[in-house]
Structure formats: structure tokens, C-alpha cells
Amino acid sequence: MDVNRLALDYSASLPMWVLEELVDEPDAYQTDEQKMALVNRLARRNYREGTGGPFAAIVVDSETGELVSAGVNVVLASGLSAAHAEVVALSLAQAAVGGWDLGADAATPREIIVNWRPCVQCYGAVLWSGVTRLVVAGDGPELEHLTGFDEGPMREDWAEQFETRGIAVTEDVLRDEAIAVFREYGEVAAAGEATVYNARAQGALER
């Protein structure tokens, strides 16, 4: 075997435009609505920039309200199917704190805010990340209906499973605003102006 042909590392980078969006953000967030407003804004700009689908996530210090990391879907930019917004945000947060367990220090609880209920992949990523709270804009068929994306075989009791493992779940934060982003993206995709991505079936859009 020629081992020299094997890849030894991989990486995904946050687009520089995300930093532009963060410059005027507050030093600390006071409400879930403030956090989700940023997430929805990042999600909308992400697909407009051609980086990936209309999905974003941030990790925030639950005690201070300070931003720990921000992530957007970078599947197209990175060429990595796993580079969903939640995975990017969690990975960058872990890099920032220097460890894989974002809940290792009980005095510094952290939470993740996402513009919809995590897909089947990100469900596991959030579950094992160490965060103690998940905030989502919504849960339901709207995302799949508007974008054509297949979220995978999610459990109906997904929220209860999080709660059982010590991860509090808050739903329906700026739900209408999130749906507006999905609807806008779906229209662009239907017009052939967005890249359709799915490894197994046509008609499903990138997550």
C-alpha cells in the first residue's frame, strides 16, 4: 500500500464575513431573542455568500452571556459533509476553551443556540459536547417542506432525551424569523440559484 496517498488531516474554517457580522454585537447577550437574532442573520448571509446552507449556531457562556464561538454551515466551502453549523460552532468553542467537554467546569456552563432543531448528525454532536442548554428557533416539518432538506430519522422524543442527559431545551425563539430565512432559501434553490447537496438523494438541499 502506498500510504503517502492517504490524507492525514482535515480542516474547516469560519468565513471571514462572519467576523464582520460580529463587530457590532454586544459584549454580552441578555436574552435568547438577542442570541437568535444573530443566528438568523448569520444563516441568511451564509447562503447568500455561497458558503453553505441557511444554518448557523453560536455557543454562549450561560452565566455571563458572552459569545464563545459562532458557526455556520460550511459544507460547500470545506468539501466536508460533517461541517454543519452546530459542529463548526461546537468545535470552535472547544478549541477556544482548550478541551472537548464544554461542561467540564460546572462554574462555566455553556449553551448552543441554533436556528432549528438539530439534524440527526448534529443531535449527537450537541449531545456529547458538554453544553447544558440548547435553544432552537423551532421544531417541525417547516424546514424540510420549505428547503427540501432531509433531516434524517430523528426521534420524536429528541427534546426529552436531551433533558434526561442534563441539557435543558428551549424552543420557539424567533421561530417566524427562522422560517422566513428557510422560505427565502427555498425560493432561491427552486430557481436554480443554490447548490443542491445530498449524498444519497436528489431534491434534498444542503444542511
N, C-alpha and C. Protein backbone atom coordinates (compact mmCIF):
# COMPACT_ATOMS: atom_id res chain seq x y z
N MET A 1 0.84 -1.20 0.00
CA MET A 1 0.00 0.00 0.00
C MET A 1 0.87 1.25 0.00
N ASP A 2 0.51 2.20 -0.82
CA ASP A 2 1.20 3.48 -0.84
C ASP A 2 0.52 4.40 0.16
N VAL A 3 1.06 4.43 1.38
CA VAL A 3 0.43 5.22 2.44
C VAL A 3 0.53 6.72 2.18
N ASN A 4 1.42 7.13 1.30
CA ASN A 4 1.59 8.55 1.02
C ASN A 4 0.37 9.17 0.35
N ARG A 5 -0.49 8.32 -0.20
CA ARG A 5 -1.68 8.84 -0.87
C ARG A 5 -2.82 9.12 0.10
N LEU A 6 -2.66 8.70 1.36
CA LEU A 6 -3.72 8.87 2.35
C LEU A 6 -3.67 10.26 2.99
N ALA A 7 -4.83 10.85 3.14
CA ALA A 7 -4.92 12.14 3.83
C ALA A 7 -4.68 11.94 5.32
N LEU A 8 -3.99 12.88 5.94
CA LEU A 8 -3.66 12.76 7.36
C LEU A 8 -4.37 13.80 8.23
N ASP A 9 -4.99 14.76 7.62
CA ASP A 9 -5.71 15.77 8.40
C ASP A 9 -6.81 16.39 7.56
N TYR A 10 -7.67 17.13 8.21
CA TYR A 10 -8.72 17.86 7.51
C TYR A 10 -9.06 19.09 8.33
N SER A 11 -9.66 20.07 7.70
CA SER A 11 -10.00 21.29 8.43
C SER A 11 -11.16 22.02 7.77
N ALA A 12 -11.81 22.82 8.57
CA ALA A 12 -12.89 23.68 8.09
C ALA A 12 -12.70 25.04 8.76
N SER A 13 -12.84 26.10 8.01
CA SER A 13 -12.60 27.44 8.55
C SER A 13 -13.87 28.28 8.54
N LEU A 14 -13.98 29.13 9.52
CA LEU A 14 -15.11 30.06 9.58
C LEU A 14 -14.88 31.16 8.54
N PRO A 15 -15.88 31.45 7.71
CA PRO A 15 -15.72 32.51 6.72
C PRO A 15 -15.44 33.85 7.39
N MET A 16 -14.60 34.65 6.79
CA MET A 16 -14.21 35.92 7.38
C MET A 16 -15.38 36.89 7.48
N TRP A 17 -16.38 36.73 6.63
CA TRP A 17 -17.51 37.65 6.70
C TRP A 17 -18.26 37.51 8.03
N VAL A 18 -18.14 36.35 8.70
CA VAL A 18 -18.80 36.18 10.00
C VAL A 18 -18.26 37.20 11.00
N LEU A 19 -16.96 37.45 10.95
CA LEU A 19 -16.37 38.44 11.85
C LEU A 19 -16.95 39.82 11.61
N GLU A 20 -17.26 40.14 10.35
CA GLU A 20 -17.88 41.42 10.04
C GLU A 20 -19.22 41.54 10.74
N GLU A 21 -19.97 40.45 10.77
CA GLU A 21 -21.28 40.45 11.40
C GLU A 21 -21.19 40.57 12.92
N LEU A 22 -20.05 40.19 13.49
CA LEU A 22 -19.92 40.17 14.94
C LEU A 22 -19.38 41.48 15.52
N VAL A 23 -18.80 42.32 14.68
CA VAL A 23 -18.14 43.54 15.16
C VAL A 23 -19.05 44.41 16.01
N ASP A 24 -20.29 44.58 15.58
CA ASP A 24 -21.21 45.48 16.30
C ASP A 24 -22.10 44.76 17.31
N GLU A 25 -21.82 43.49 17.56
CA GLU A 25 -22.61 42.74 18.54
C GLU A 25 -22.22 43.17 19.96
N PRO A 26 -23.12 43.01 20.93
CA PRO A 26 -22.81 43.39 22.32
C PRO A 26 -21.75 42.47 22.93
N ASP A 27 -21.11 42.94 23.98
CA ASP A 27 -20.12 42.12 24.67
C ASP A 27 -20.77 40.94 25.38
N ALA A 28 -22.04 41.10 25.74
CA ALA A 28 -22.77 40.03 26.40
C ALA A 28 -24.24 40.10 26.00
N TYR A 29 -24.86 38.93 25.87
CA TYR A 29 -26.26 38.86 25.49
C TYR A 29 -27.14 38.74 26.73
N GLN A 30 -28.26 39.47 26.70
CA GLN A 30 -29.16 39.48 27.84
C GLN A 30 -30.36 38.55 27.66
N THR A 31 -30.74 38.29 26.40
CA THR A 31 -31.94 37.50 26.15
C THR A 31 -31.69 36.46 25.05
N ASP A 32 -32.54 35.44 25.03
CA ASP A 32 -32.45 34.44 23.97
C ASP A 32 -32.78 35.05 22.61
N GLU A 33 -33.66 36.04 22.62
CA GLU A 33 -34.03 36.70 21.36
C GLU A 33 -32.83 37.41 20.74
N GLN A 34 -32.00 38.02 21.57
CA GLN A 34 -30.79 38.67 21.04
C GLN A 34 -29.87 37.65 20.39
N LYS A 35 -29.71 36.53 21.05
CA LYS A 35 -28.83 35.48 20.53
C LYS A 35 -29.37 34.93 19.21
N MET A 36 -30.67 34.64 19.18
CA MET A 36 -31.26 34.05 17.99
C MET A 36 -31.29 35.03 16.83
N ALA A 37 -31.42 36.29 17.12
CA ALA A 37 -31.40 37.30 16.05
C ALA A 37 -30.07 37.24 15.30
N LEU A 38 -28.99 37.07 16.04
CA LEU A 38 -27.67 36.93 15.41
C LEU A 38 -27.62 35.65 14.58
N VAL A 39 -28.10 34.55 15.15
CA VAL A 39 -28.07 33.26 14.45
C VAL A 39 -28.85 33.34 13.14
N ASN A 40 -30.03 33.92 13.16
CA ASN A 40 -30.82 34.04 11.94
C ASN A 40 -30.14 34.92 10.91
N ARG A 41 -29.50 35.97 11.37
CA ARG A 41 -28.78 36.85 10.45
C ARG A 41 -27.61 36.14 9.80
N LEU A 42 -26.87 35.37 10.58
CA LEU A 42 -25.75 34.60 10.03
C LEU A 42 -26.24 33.54 9.05
N ALA A 43 -27.36 32.90 9.37
CA ALA A 43 -27.92 31.87 8.49
C ALA A 43 -28.30 32.44 7.14
N ARG A 44 -28.94 33.59 7.16
CA ARG A 44 -29.35 34.22 5.90
C ARG A 44 -28.13 34.63 5.07
N ARG A 45 -27.16 35.24 5.70
CA ARG A 45 -25.99 35.69 4.94
C ARG A 45 -25.17 34.50 4.43
N ASN A 46 -25.19 33.40 5.18
CA ASN A 46 -24.37 32.25 4.80
C ASN A 46 -24.70 31.74 3.41
N TYR A 47 -25.98 31.54 3.13
CA TYR A 47 -26.31 31.02 1.81
C TYR A 47 -26.14 32.09 0.73
N ARG A 48 -26.34 33.36 1.11
CA ARG A 48 -26.14 34.44 0.14
C ARG A 48 -24.67 34.57 -0.25
N GLU A 49 -23.79 34.24 0.69
CA GLU A 49 -22.36 34.28 0.41
C GLU A 49 -21.88 33.05 -0.36
N GLY A 50 -22.74 32.01 -0.43
CA GLY A 50 -22.37 30.79 -1.13
C GLY A 50 -21.51 29.86 -0.30
N THR A 51 -21.44 30.11 1.01
CA THR A 51 -20.63 29.28 1.89
C THR A 51 -21.26 27.93 2.16
N GLY A 52 -22.60 27.92 2.27
CA GLY A 52 -23.32 26.70 2.59
C GLY A 52 -24.80 26.98 2.73
N GLY A 53 -25.51 26.11 3.40
CA GLY A 53 -26.95 26.26 3.57
C GLY A 53 -27.32 27.32 4.60
N PRO A 54 -28.62 27.59 4.76
CA PRO A 54 -29.09 28.65 5.66
C PRO A 54 -29.16 28.21 7.12
N PHE A 55 -28.01 27.87 7.66
CA PHE A 55 -27.95 27.38 9.03
C PHE A 55 -26.78 28.01 9.78
N ALA A 56 -27.03 28.37 11.03
CA ALA A 56 -25.99 28.96 11.86
C ALA A 56 -26.21 28.56 13.31
N ALA A 57 -25.17 28.71 14.11
CA ALA A 57 -25.24 28.37 15.53
C ALA A 57 -24.19 29.18 16.28
N ILE A 58 -24.47 29.45 17.53
CA ILE A 58 -23.48 30.10 18.39
C ILE A 58 -23.44 29.38 19.73
N VAL A 59 -22.29 29.45 20.37
CA VAL A 59 -22.13 28.93 21.72
C VAL A 59 -21.90 30.13 22.64
N VAL A 60 -22.65 30.16 23.72
CA VAL A 60 -22.62 31.30 24.64
C VAL A 60 -22.39 30.82 26.07
N ASP A 61 -21.66 31.60 26.83
CA ASP A 61 -21.48 31.35 28.26
C ASP A 61 -22.81 31.63 28.95
N SER A 62 -23.41 30.63 29.56
CA SER A 62 -24.74 30.79 30.15
C SER A 62 -24.77 31.75 31.33
N GLU A 63 -23.65 31.90 32.01
CA GLU A 63 -23.60 32.78 33.18
C GLU A 63 -23.38 34.24 32.80
N THR A 64 -22.45 34.49 31.91
CA THR A 64 -22.08 35.87 31.57
C THR A 64 -22.76 36.39 30.32
N GLY A 65 -23.27 35.50 29.47
CA GLY A 65 -23.87 35.93 28.22
C GLY A 65 -22.85 36.23 27.14
N GLU A 66 -21.58 35.94 27.40
CA GLU A 66 -20.54 36.24 26.43
C GLU A 66 -20.50 35.18 25.32
N LEU A 67 -20.21 35.63 24.12
CA LEU A 67 -20.09 34.73 22.98
C LEU A 67 -18.80 33.92 23.08
N VAL A 68 -18.91 32.60 22.96
CA VAL A 68 -17.74 31.72 22.98
C VAL A 68 -17.31 31.39 21.56
N SER A 69 -18.29 31.14 20.69
CA SER A 69 -17.97 30.84 19.29
C SER A 69 -19.20 31.05 18.42
N ALA A 70 -18.96 31.17 17.13
CA ALA A 70 -20.03 31.26 16.14
C ALA A 70 -19.72 30.29 15.03
N GLY A 71 -20.76 29.70 14.46
CA GLY A 71 -20.54 28.75 13.37
C GLY A 71 -21.63 28.85 12.34
N VAL A 72 -21.27 28.57 11.09
CA VAL A 72 -22.24 28.48 10.02
C VAL A 72 -21.95 27.20 9.25
N ASN A 73 -22.91 26.76 8.47
CA ASN A 73 -22.71 25.58 7.65
C ASN A 73 -21.65 25.88 6.59
N VAL A 74 -20.58 25.10 6.55
CA VAL A 74 -19.51 25.31 5.57
C VAL A 74 -19.23 24.05 4.76
N VAL A 75 -20.28 23.28 4.50
CA VAL A 75 -20.12 22.06 3.70
C VAL A 75 -19.58 22.40 2.32
N LEU A 76 -20.14 23.39 1.67
CA LEU A 76 -19.68 23.76 0.33
C LEU A 76 -18.28 24.34 0.37
N ALA A 77 -18.01 25.21 1.33
CA ALA A 77 -16.71 25.86 1.40
C ALA A 77 -15.59 24.89 1.76
N SER A 78 -15.90 23.89 2.58
CA SER A 78 -14.87 22.96 3.06
C SER A 78 -14.81 21.65 2.29
N GLY A 79 -15.91 21.28 1.65
CA GLY A 79 -15.98 19.99 0.99
C GLY A 79 -16.17 18.85 1.97
N LEU A 80 -16.62 19.17 3.18
CA LEU A 80 -16.82 18.18 4.24
C LEU A 80 -18.29 18.08 4.59
N SER A 81 -18.86 16.89 4.45
CA SER A 81 -20.29 16.72 4.71
C SER A 81 -20.66 16.92 6.17
N ALA A 82 -19.69 16.76 7.07
CA ALA A 82 -19.97 16.90 8.50
C ALA A 82 -19.90 18.35 8.99
N ALA A 83 -19.53 19.27 8.12
CA ALA A 83 -19.29 20.65 8.55
C ALA A 83 -20.58 21.45 8.66
N HIS A 84 -21.50 20.93 9.48
CA HIS A 84 -22.75 21.63 9.74
C HIS A 84 -22.51 22.76 10.74
N ALA A 85 -23.47 23.66 10.84
CA ALA A 85 -23.30 24.83 11.70
C ALA A 85 -23.02 24.46 13.15
N GLU A 86 -23.77 23.49 13.68
CA GLU A 86 -23.58 23.10 15.07
C GLU A 86 -22.19 22.51 15.30
N VAL A 87 -21.76 21.67 14.38
CA VAL A 87 -20.45 21.04 14.51
C VAL A 87 -19.35 22.10 14.47
N VAL A 88 -19.49 23.07 13.57
CA VAL A 88 -18.50 24.14 13.47
C VAL A 88 -18.47 24.97 14.75
N ALA A 89 -19.65 25.37 15.24
CA ALA A 89 -19.71 26.20 16.45
C ALA A 89 -19.15 25.46 17.67
N LEU A 90 -19.53 24.20 17.82
CA LEU A 90 -19.05 23.41 18.96
C LEU A 90 -17.55 23.18 18.88
N SER A 91 -17.05 22.87 17.69
CA SER A 91 -15.62 22.61 17.52
C SER A 91 -14.80 23.86 17.81
N LEU A 92 -15.27 25.01 17.34
CA LEU A 92 -14.55 26.25 17.60
C LEU A 92 -14.60 26.62 19.08
N ALA A 93 -15.72 26.32 19.73
CA ALA A 93 -15.83 26.57 21.17
C ALA A 93 -14.86 25.69 21.94
N GLN A 94 -14.76 24.43 21.54
CA GLN A 94 -13.84 23.50 22.19
C GLN A 94 -12.39 23.92 21.97
N ALA A 95 -12.10 24.44 20.78
CA ALA A 95 -10.76 24.94 20.51
C ALA A 95 -10.47 26.16 21.38
N ALA A 96 -11.49 27.00 21.58
CA ALA A 96 -11.31 28.22 22.36
C ALA A 96 -11.05 27.93 23.83
N VAL A 97 -11.74 26.92 24.38
CA VAL A 97 -11.59 26.61 25.81
C VAL A 97 -10.49 25.58 26.06
N GLY A 98 -10.01 24.96 24.99
CA GLY A 98 -8.91 24.01 25.13
C GLY A 98 -9.30 22.64 25.62
N GLY A 99 -10.52 22.19 25.26
CA GLY A 99 -10.94 20.86 25.69
C GLY A 99 -12.22 20.42 25.00
N TRP A 100 -12.44 19.12 24.94
CA TRP A 100 -13.59 18.59 24.24
C TRP A 100 -14.89 18.69 25.02
N ASP A 101 -14.82 18.86 26.33
CA ASP A 101 -16.02 18.90 27.18
C ASP A 101 -16.35 20.33 27.56
N LEU A 102 -17.35 20.90 26.93
CA LEU A 102 -17.72 22.29 27.21
C LEU A 102 -18.41 22.44 28.56
N GLY A 103 -18.67 21.32 29.23
CA GLY A 103 -19.28 21.38 30.56
C GLY A 103 -18.37 20.88 31.64
N ALA A 104 -17.09 20.76 31.33
CA ALA A 104 -16.14 20.22 32.31
C ALA A 104 -16.06 21.08 33.57
N ASP A 105 -16.19 22.39 33.41
CA ASP A 105 -16.17 23.30 34.55
C ASP A 105 -17.60 23.68 34.88
N ALA A 106 -18.11 23.15 35.97
CA ALA A 106 -19.50 23.40 36.35
C ALA A 106 -19.78 24.88 36.60
N ALA A 107 -18.73 25.65 36.89
CA ALA A 107 -18.90 27.07 37.15
C ALA A 107 -19.03 27.87 35.85
N THR A 108 -18.78 27.20 34.72
CA THR A 108 -18.86 27.88 33.43
C THR A 108 -19.76 27.10 32.48
N PRO A 109 -21.05 27.06 32.75
CA PRO A 109 -21.96 26.33 31.85
C PRO A 109 -22.09 27.05 30.51
N ARG A 110 -22.22 26.27 29.46
CA ARG A 110 -22.32 26.87 28.12
C ARG A 110 -23.53 26.31 27.39
N GLU A 111 -24.05 27.08 26.46
CA GLU A 111 -25.25 26.71 25.72
C GLU A 111 -25.04 26.95 24.23
N ILE A 112 -25.82 26.23 23.43
CA ILE A 112 -25.75 26.40 21.99
C ILE A 112 -27.11 26.88 21.49
N ILE A 113 -27.07 27.85 20.59
CA ILE A 113 -28.29 28.43 20.03
C ILE A 113 -28.27 28.14 18.53
N VAL A 114 -29.34 27.54 18.02
CA VAL A 114 -29.40 27.08 16.63
C VAL A 114 -30.72 27.53 15.99
N ASN A 115 -30.71 27.78 14.68
CA ASN A 115 -31.93 28.28 14.05
C ASN A 115 -32.92 27.20 13.64
N TRP A 116 -32.77 25.98 14.14
CA TRP A 116 -33.80 24.95 14.07
C TRP A 116 -33.33 23.76 14.89
N ARG A 117 -34.22 22.84 15.15
CA ARG A 117 -33.84 21.62 15.86
C ARG A 117 -32.72 20.91 15.10
N PRO A 118 -31.64 20.47 15.79
CA PRO A 118 -30.52 19.83 15.09
C PRO A 118 -30.95 18.63 14.26
N CYS A 119 -30.25 18.42 13.14
CA CYS A 119 -30.48 17.23 12.32
C CYS A 119 -29.94 16.01 13.06
N VAL A 120 -30.08 14.84 12.45
CA VAL A 120 -29.68 13.61 13.13
C VAL A 120 -28.19 13.60 13.46
N GLN A 121 -27.35 14.17 12.60
CA GLN A 121 -25.92 14.23 12.89
C GLN A 121 -25.63 15.19 14.05
N CYS A 122 -26.20 16.38 13.97
CA CYS A 122 -25.91 17.39 14.98
C CYS A 122 -26.57 17.10 16.32
N TYR A 123 -27.60 16.28 16.29
CA TYR A 123 -28.21 15.81 17.53
C TYR A 123 -27.15 15.13 18.39
N GLY A 124 -26.39 14.24 17.78
CA GLY A 124 -25.33 13.56 18.51
C GLY A 124 -24.20 14.50 18.89
N ALA A 125 -23.87 15.42 18.01
CA ALA A 125 -22.78 16.35 18.29
C ALA A 125 -23.10 17.22 19.51
N VAL A 126 -24.34 17.69 19.58
CA VAL A 126 -24.75 18.50 20.73
C VAL A 126 -24.79 17.64 21.99
N LEU A 127 -25.32 16.44 21.85
CA LEU A 127 -25.48 15.54 22.98
C LEU A 127 -24.15 15.28 23.70
N TRP A 128 -23.06 15.12 22.94
CA TRP A 128 -21.77 14.76 23.53
C TRP A 128 -20.84 15.95 23.74
N SER A 129 -21.31 17.16 23.51
CA SER A 129 -20.42 18.33 23.55
C SER A 129 -20.13 18.86 24.94
N GLY A 130 -21.05 18.59 25.88
CA GLY A 130 -20.88 19.13 27.22
C GLY A 130 -21.71 20.37 27.49
N VAL A 131 -22.44 20.89 26.49
CA VAL A 131 -23.29 22.05 26.74
C VAL A 131 -24.43 21.63 27.67
N THR A 132 -24.95 22.58 28.40
CA THR A 132 -26.02 22.26 29.35
C THR A 132 -27.36 22.86 28.93
N ARG A 133 -27.37 23.52 27.76
CA ARG A 133 -28.64 24.10 27.29
C ARG A 133 -28.62 24.20 25.78
N LEU A 134 -29.78 23.94 25.18
CA LEU A 134 -29.98 24.06 23.74
C LEU A 134 -31.16 24.98 23.50
N VAL A 135 -30.96 26.00 22.69
CA VAL A 135 -32.03 26.93 22.33
C VAL A 135 -32.24 26.82 20.82
N VAL A 136 -33.48 26.57 20.40
CA VAL A 136 -33.76 26.44 18.98
C VAL A 136 -34.91 27.36 18.57
N ALA A 137 -34.89 27.77 17.31
CA ALA A 137 -35.97 28.62 16.80
C ALA A 137 -37.25 27.83 16.64
N GLY A 138 -37.12 26.54 16.36
CA GLY A 138 -38.32 25.74 16.20
C GLY A 138 -38.02 24.29 15.90
N ASP A 139 -39.08 23.51 15.83
CA ASP A 139 -39.01 22.10 15.51
C ASP A 139 -40.26 21.75 14.74
N GLY A 140 -40.12 21.02 13.66
CA GLY A 140 -41.29 20.66 12.88
C GLY A 140 -40.94 20.49 11.42
N PRO A 141 -41.95 20.22 10.59
CA PRO A 141 -41.73 19.91 9.18
C PRO A 141 -41.43 21.11 8.29
N GLU A 142 -41.54 22.32 8.83
CA GLU A 142 -41.38 23.51 8.01
C GLU A 142 -40.03 23.55 7.29
N LEU A 143 -38.97 23.21 7.99
CA LEU A 143 -37.64 23.26 7.38
C LEU A 143 -37.59 22.35 6.16
N GLU A 144 -38.03 21.12 6.31
CA GLU A 144 -37.97 20.16 5.21
C GLU A 144 -38.91 20.55 4.07
N HIS A 145 -40.08 21.05 4.40
CA HIS A 145 -41.04 21.44 3.38
C HIS A 145 -40.54 22.64 2.57
N LEU A 146 -39.92 23.59 3.24
CA LEU A 146 -39.50 24.82 2.56
C LEU A 146 -38.19 24.67 1.81
N THR A 147 -37.31 23.82 2.29
CA THR A 147 -35.99 23.71 1.67
C THR A 147 -35.77 22.40 0.92
N GLY A 148 -36.57 21.37 1.25
CA GLY A 148 -36.37 20.07 0.63
C GLY A 148 -35.31 19.24 1.32
N PHE A 149 -34.75 19.75 2.40
CA PHE A 149 -33.69 19.02 3.09
C PHE A 149 -34.25 17.88 3.93
N ASP A 150 -33.54 16.77 3.96
CA ASP A 150 -33.91 15.60 4.78
C ASP A 150 -33.11 15.65 6.07
N GLU A 151 -33.78 15.84 7.19
CA GLU A 151 -33.09 15.96 8.47
C GLU A 151 -32.67 14.63 9.07
N GLY A 152 -33.10 13.54 8.45
CA GLY A 152 -32.72 12.23 8.96
C GLY A 152 -33.75 11.66 9.91
N PRO A 153 -33.55 10.41 10.35
CA PRO A 153 -34.52 9.71 11.20
C PRO A 153 -34.42 10.15 12.66
N MET A 154 -34.92 11.35 12.94
CA MET A 154 -34.86 11.87 14.31
C MET A 154 -35.91 11.22 15.20
N ARG A 155 -35.57 11.08 16.48
CA ARG A 155 -36.51 10.57 17.47
C ARG A 155 -37.58 11.62 17.74
N GLU A 156 -38.80 11.16 17.97
CA GLU A 156 -39.87 12.09 18.32
C GLU A 156 -39.65 12.69 19.71
N ASP A 157 -38.96 11.95 20.57
CA ASP A 157 -38.72 12.43 21.93
C ASP A 157 -37.33 13.05 22.05
N TRP A 158 -36.86 13.69 20.98
CA TRP A 158 -35.49 14.24 20.97
C TRP A 158 -35.26 15.21 22.13
N ALA A 159 -36.24 16.07 22.41
CA ALA A 159 -36.06 17.06 23.48
C ALA A 159 -35.97 16.38 24.85
N GLU A 160 -36.80 15.38 25.06
CA GLU A 160 -36.78 14.65 26.32
C GLU A 160 -35.44 13.93 26.53
N GLN A 161 -34.88 13.42 25.44
CA GLN A 161 -33.58 12.75 25.53
C GLN A 161 -32.49 13.73 25.95
N PHE A 162 -32.55 14.94 25.45
CA PHE A 162 -31.60 15.97 25.88
C PHE A 162 -31.79 16.26 27.37
N GLU A 163 -33.03 16.49 27.75
CA GLU A 163 -33.34 16.83 29.14
C GLU A 163 -32.86 15.74 30.09
N THR A 164 -33.06 14.49 29.71
CA THR A 164 -32.64 13.36 30.53
C THR A 164 -31.13 13.39 30.78
N ARG A 165 -30.41 13.91 29.82
CA ARG A 165 -28.94 13.96 29.93
C ARG A 165 -28.44 15.31 30.43
N GLY A 166 -29.32 16.09 31.04
CA GLY A 166 -28.90 17.34 31.67
C GLY A 166 -28.78 18.52 30.74
N ILE A 167 -29.39 18.43 29.55
CA ILE A 167 -29.34 19.54 28.60
C ILE A 167 -30.74 20.14 28.49
N ALA A 168 -30.93 21.30 29.07
CA ALA A 168 -32.23 21.97 29.03
C ALA A 168 -32.52 22.44 27.61
N VAL A 169 -33.78 22.34 27.20
CA VAL A 169 -34.17 22.71 25.84
C VAL A 169 -35.20 23.84 25.87
N THR A 170 -34.93 24.89 25.11
CA THR A 170 -35.86 26.00 24.94
C THR A 170 -36.20 26.09 23.46
N GLU A 171 -37.51 26.06 23.15
CA GLU A 171 -37.94 26.07 21.75
C GLU A 171 -38.71 27.34 21.40
N ASP A 172 -38.88 27.54 20.09
CA ASP A 172 -39.72 28.60 19.53
C ASP A 172 -39.24 30.01 19.88
N VAL A 173 -37.96 30.23 19.73
CA VAL A 173 -37.39 31.57 19.90
C VAL A 173 -37.18 32.18 18.51
N LEU A 174 -37.93 33.21 18.20
CA LEU A 174 -37.90 33.86 16.88
C LEU A 174 -38.16 32.85 15.76
N ARG A 175 -39.14 32.02 15.99
CA ARG A 175 -39.50 30.96 15.03
C ARG A 175 -39.86 31.52 13.65
N ASP A 176 -40.72 32.54 13.63
CA ASP A 176 -41.16 33.10 12.35
C ASP A 176 -40.00 33.64 11.53
N GLU A 177 -39.05 34.26 12.21
CA GLU A 177 -37.89 34.82 11.51
C GLU A 177 -37.05 33.70 10.89
N ALA A 178 -36.91 32.59 11.60
CA ALA A 178 -36.14 31.46 11.07
C ALA A 178 -36.84 30.88 9.86
N ILE A 179 -38.15 30.73 9.93
CA ILE A 179 -38.91 30.17 8.82
C ILE A 179 -38.81 31.08 7.60
N ALA A 180 -38.77 32.39 7.82
CA ALA A 180 -38.63 33.33 6.71
C ALA A 180 -37.32 33.10 5.96
N VAL A 181 -36.26 32.79 6.70
CA VAL A 181 -34.97 32.51 6.06
C VAL A 181 -35.06 31.23 5.23
N PHE A 182 -35.68 30.19 5.78
CA PHE A 182 -35.83 28.94 5.05
C PHE A 182 -36.68 29.12 3.78
N ARG A 183 -37.75 29.91 3.90
CA ARG A 183 -38.61 30.15 2.75
C ARG A 183 -37.85 30.89 1.65
N GLU A 184 -37.09 31.87 2.05
CA GLU A 184 -36.29 32.64 1.10
C GLU A 184 -35.27 31.73 0.40
N TYR A 185 -34.63 30.88 1.18
CA TYR A 185 -33.64 29.96 0.61
C TYR A 185 -34.30 28.97 -0.34
N GLY A 186 -35.47 28.47 0.03
CA GLY A 186 -36.18 27.52 -0.82
C GLY A 186 -36.53 28.12 -2.17
N GLU A 187 -36.92 29.38 -2.16
CA GLU A 187 -37.25 30.06 -3.42
C GLU A 187 -36.01 30.21 -4.30
N VAL A 188 -34.90 30.54 -3.68
CA VAL A 188 -33.65 30.69 -4.43
C VAL A 188 -33.22 29.34 -5.01
N ALA A 189 -33.35 28.29 -4.21
CA ALA A 189 -32.98 26.95 -4.67
C ALA A 189 -33.87 26.49 -5.80
N ALA A 190 -35.17 26.77 -5.70
CA ALA A 190 -36.11 26.37 -6.74
C ALA A 190 -35.81 27.06 -8.06
N ALA A 191 -35.20 28.24 -7.97
CA ALA A 191 -34.83 28.98 -9.16
C ALA A 191 -33.47 28.54 -9.72
N GLY A 192 -32.87 27.54 -9.06
CA GLY A 192 -31.58 27.03 -9.52
C GLY A 192 -30.40 27.89 -9.13
N GLU A 193 -30.59 28.75 -8.13
CA GLU A 193 -29.53 29.67 -7.74
C GLU A 193 -28.85 29.26 -6.43
N ALA A 194 -29.10 28.04 -5.99
CA ALA A 194 -28.43 27.50 -4.80
C ALA A 194 -28.02 26.07 -5.12
N THR A 195 -26.88 25.65 -4.57
CA THR A 195 -26.37 24.31 -4.84
C THR A 195 -27.17 23.27 -4.07
N VAL A 196 -27.70 22.30 -4.79
CA VAL A 196 -28.43 21.20 -4.15
C VAL A 196 -27.41 20.18 -3.67
N TYR A 197 -27.47 19.83 -2.39
CA TYR A 197 -26.49 18.90 -1.83
C TYR A 197 -27.17 17.79 -1.05
N ASN A 198 -26.89 16.58 -1.43
CA ASN A 198 -27.27 15.42 -0.64
C ASN A 198 -26.57 14.22 -1.24
N ALA A 199 -25.90 13.44 -0.42
CA ALA A 199 -25.08 12.35 -0.93
C ALA A 199 -25.90 11.16 -1.42
N ARG A 200 -27.16 11.07 -1.02
CA ARG A 200 -27.93 9.87 -1.34
C ARG A 200 -29.18 10.11 -2.17
N ALA A 201 -29.71 11.31 -2.17
CA ALA A 201 -30.94 11.52 -2.92
C ALA A 201 -31.01 12.93 -3.48
N GLN A 202 -31.51 13.05 -4.68
CA GLN A 202 -31.68 14.36 -5.27
C GLN A 202 -32.92 15.02 -4.66
N GLY A 203 -32.94 16.33 -4.73
CA GLY A 203 -34.10 17.05 -4.22
C GLY A 203 -33.97 17.48 -2.78
N ALA A 204 -32.92 17.04 -2.10
CA ALA A 204 -32.67 17.49 -0.72
C ALA A 204 -31.56 18.51 -0.76
N LEU A 205 -31.74 19.59 -0.04
CA LEU A 205 -30.78 20.67 -0.08
C LEU A 205 -29.79 20.56 1.06
N GLU A 206 -28.73 21.30 0.94
CA GLU A 206 -27.66 21.22 1.92
C GLU A 206 -28.09 21.66 3.31
N ARG A 207 -27.58 21.01 4.31
CA ARG A 207 -27.86 21.36 5.71
C ARG A 207 -26.73 22.22 6.22
